Each structure stands twice: as structure tokens, then as C-alpha cells.
Amino acid sequence: MTTPLFLLRCTEIGIGIADLDLLTIGIVMDMWTEKGNDSAKYNHTVVAGQVEFDKF
């Protein structure tokens, strides 16, 4: 990842230059990834019960 691309990602999620002193590259990338996951649609949600935990 280049510096301009990293700064673009920061701008997309609303992080200013001054805020970058408080964050790591990893945190910024995690935030950008989560932003992309916000629009994800899941078909169904399965809640694990005791039987599934026992199998695990």
C-alpha cells in the first residue's frame, strides 16, 4: 500500500492527519475493512446451542 492510498483510506473513514498520531496502520486498516463490511447482507443467522459447542 502506498502512502497516498493509505491517506485516501483515512479520508474515506473520516480520519484526519492529526488523528493518525494516535492510531496504528493496523487499526486504520481494520476500521476501513469494517466500513466495507457494514453493507454486508447475510442470508441467515445460526445461533449455536449446547450441542454445537459440545461438538466443537
N, C-alpha and C. Protein backbone atom coordinates (compact mmCIF):
# COMPACT_ATOMS: atom_id res chain seq x y z
N MET A 1 0.85 -1.16 0.00
CA MET A 1 0.00 0.00 0.00
C MET A 1 0.90 1.24 0.00
N THR A 2 0.56 2.15 -0.85
CA THR A 2 1.33 3.39 -0.94
C THR A 2 0.80 4.42 0.06
N THR A 3 1.61 5.42 0.33
CA THR A 3 1.20 6.48 1.26
C THR A 3 -0.05 7.21 0.76
N PRO A 4 -0.12 7.60 -0.52
CA PRO A 4 -1.35 8.27 -0.98
C PRO A 4 -2.60 7.40 -0.83
N LEU A 5 -2.45 6.10 -1.10
CA LEU A 5 -3.60 5.20 -0.95
C LEU A 5 -4.01 5.09 0.52
N PHE A 6 -3.04 5.01 1.42
CA PHE A 6 -3.34 4.95 2.85
C PHE A 6 -4.07 6.23 3.29
N LEU A 7 -3.60 7.38 2.84
CA LEU A 7 -4.25 8.64 3.21
C LEU A 7 -5.66 8.72 2.62
N LEU A 8 -5.86 8.16 1.43
CA LEU A 8 -7.20 8.11 0.85
C LEU A 8 -8.12 7.26 1.71
N ARG A 9 -7.63 6.11 2.16
CA ARG A 9 -8.43 5.24 3.03
C ARG A 9 -8.80 5.98 4.32
N CYS A 10 -7.84 6.72 4.87
CA CYS A 10 -8.12 7.50 6.08
C CYS A 10 -9.21 8.53 5.83
N THR A 11 -9.13 9.20 4.71
CA THR A 11 -10.14 10.21 4.37
C THR A 11 -11.52 9.57 4.20
N GLU A 12 -11.55 8.38 3.62
CA GLU A 12 -12.84 7.68 3.41
C GLU A 12 -13.55 7.36 4.71
N ILE A 13 -12.79 7.13 5.77
CA ILE A 13 -13.43 6.80 7.05
C ILE A 13 -13.41 7.97 8.03
N GLY A 14 -12.96 9.13 7.57
CA GLY A 14 -13.05 10.34 8.38
C GLY A 14 -11.93 10.55 9.37
N ILE A 15 -10.76 9.99 9.10
CA ILE A 15 -9.62 10.18 9.99
C ILE A 15 -8.75 11.30 9.42
N GLY A 16 -8.49 12.32 10.23
CA GLY A 16 -7.65 13.43 9.81
C GLY A 16 -6.17 13.15 10.09
N ILE A 17 -5.32 13.98 9.53
CA ILE A 17 -3.88 13.82 9.70
C ILE A 17 -3.49 13.88 11.18
N ALA A 18 -4.09 14.77 11.93
CA ALA A 18 -3.75 14.91 13.36
C ALA A 18 -4.12 13.64 14.13
N ASP A 19 -5.17 12.97 13.71
CA ASP A 19 -5.61 11.75 14.40
C ASP A 19 -4.67 10.58 14.17
N LEU A 20 -3.89 10.62 13.09
CA LEU A 20 -3.02 9.49 12.77
C LEU A 20 -1.91 9.29 13.80
N ASP A 21 -1.59 10.32 14.57
CA ASP A 21 -0.60 10.16 15.64
C ASP A 21 -1.09 9.20 16.72
N LEU A 22 -2.40 9.06 16.82
CA LEU A 22 -3.00 8.24 17.88
C LEU A 22 -3.32 6.82 17.43
N LEU A 23 -3.18 6.55 16.13
CA LEU A 23 -3.60 5.26 15.58
C LEU A 23 -2.45 4.56 14.88
N THR A 24 -2.53 3.24 14.83
CA THR A 24 -1.55 2.47 14.06
C THR A 24 -2.12 2.19 12.67
N ILE A 25 -1.26 1.77 11.76
CA ILE A 25 -1.71 1.42 10.42
C ILE A 25 -2.71 0.26 10.50
N GLY A 26 -2.45 -0.68 11.38
CA GLY A 26 -3.34 -1.82 11.53
C GLY A 26 -4.73 -1.43 11.97
N ILE A 27 -4.82 -0.51 12.91
CA ILE A 27 -6.14 -0.05 13.38
C ILE A 27 -6.88 0.65 12.26
N VAL A 28 -6.18 1.47 11.51
CA VAL A 28 -6.83 2.18 10.39
C VAL A 28 -7.33 1.17 9.36
N MET A 29 -6.54 0.18 9.03
CA MET A 29 -6.96 -0.82 8.05
C MET A 29 -8.14 -1.65 8.57
N ASP A 30 -8.13 -1.97 9.86
CA ASP A 30 -9.27 -2.68 10.45
C ASP A 30 -10.54 -1.85 10.37
N MET A 31 -10.42 -0.55 10.65
CA MET A 31 -11.58 0.34 10.57
C MET A 31 -12.10 0.41 9.14
N TRP A 32 -11.19 0.48 8.17
CA TRP A 32 -11.61 0.56 6.78
C TRP A 32 -12.27 -0.74 6.33
N THR A 33 -11.74 -1.87 6.79
CA THR A 33 -12.33 -3.17 6.47
C THR A 33 -13.72 -3.28 7.06
N GLU A 34 -13.89 -2.87 8.31
CA GLU A 34 -15.21 -2.92 8.94
C GLU A 34 -16.20 -2.01 8.24
N LYS A 35 -15.74 -0.87 7.75
CA LYS A 35 -16.61 0.03 6.99
C LYS A 35 -17.14 -0.71 5.76
N GLY A 36 -16.27 -1.48 5.10
CA GLY A 36 -16.70 -2.24 3.94
C GLY A 36 -17.67 -3.35 4.30
N ASN A 37 -17.56 -3.89 5.50
CA ASN A 37 -18.44 -4.97 5.94
C ASN A 37 -19.80 -4.46 6.42
N ASP A 38 -19.93 -3.15 6.62
CA ASP A 38 -21.19 -2.61 7.12
C ASP A 38 -22.35 -2.90 6.19
N SER A 39 -22.09 -2.98 4.90
CA SER A 39 -23.19 -3.19 3.95
C SER A 39 -23.39 -4.67 3.62
N ALA A 40 -22.68 -5.55 4.30
CA ALA A 40 -22.80 -6.98 4.01
C ALA A 40 -24.16 -7.50 4.46
N LYS A 41 -24.76 -8.32 3.62
CA LYS A 41 -26.05 -8.94 3.93
C LYS A 41 -25.81 -10.44 4.13
N TYR A 42 -26.32 -10.97 5.19
CA TYR A 42 -26.19 -12.39 5.47
C TYR A 42 -27.55 -13.04 5.34
N ASN A 43 -27.57 -14.19 4.68
CA ASN A 43 -28.84 -14.87 4.41
C ASN A 43 -29.52 -15.36 5.67
N HIS A 44 -28.78 -15.93 6.56
CA HIS A 44 -29.38 -16.45 7.78
C HIS A 44 -28.36 -16.42 8.90
N THR A 45 -28.87 -16.42 10.08
CA THR A 45 -28.01 -16.44 11.26
C THR A 45 -28.33 -17.70 12.05
N VAL A 46 -27.31 -18.48 12.32
CA VAL A 46 -27.48 -19.69 13.10
C VAL A 46 -26.85 -19.44 14.46
N VAL A 47 -27.63 -19.62 15.49
CA VAL A 47 -27.13 -19.46 16.85
C VAL A 47 -26.75 -20.83 17.37
N ALA A 48 -25.51 -20.96 17.78
CA ALA A 48 -25.04 -22.25 18.29
C ALA A 48 -25.64 -22.53 19.65
N GLY A 49 -26.05 -23.76 19.82
CA GLY A 49 -26.57 -24.21 21.11
C GLY A 49 -25.54 -25.07 21.81
N GLN A 50 -25.93 -25.71 22.88
CA GLN A 50 -25.02 -26.54 23.66
C GLN A 50 -24.49 -27.72 22.86
N VAL A 51 -25.33 -28.29 22.00
CA VAL A 51 -24.92 -29.43 21.18
C VAL A 51 -23.77 -29.03 20.25
N GLU A 52 -23.89 -27.88 19.62
CA GLU A 52 -22.83 -27.40 18.71
C GLU A 52 -21.53 -27.13 19.48
N PHE A 53 -21.65 -26.55 20.66
CA PHE A 53 -20.45 -26.30 21.47
C PHE A 53 -19.80 -27.61 21.92
N ASP A 54 -20.60 -28.58 22.24
CA ASP A 54 -20.06 -29.88 22.62
C ASP A 54 -19.31 -30.53 21.46
N LYS A 55 -19.85 -30.41 20.25
CA LYS A 55 -19.18 -30.94 19.06
C LYS A 55 -17.87 -30.21 18.78
N PHE A 56 -17.85 -28.93 19.06
CA PHE A 56 -16.66 -28.12 18.84
C PHE A 56 -15.53 -28.57 19.74
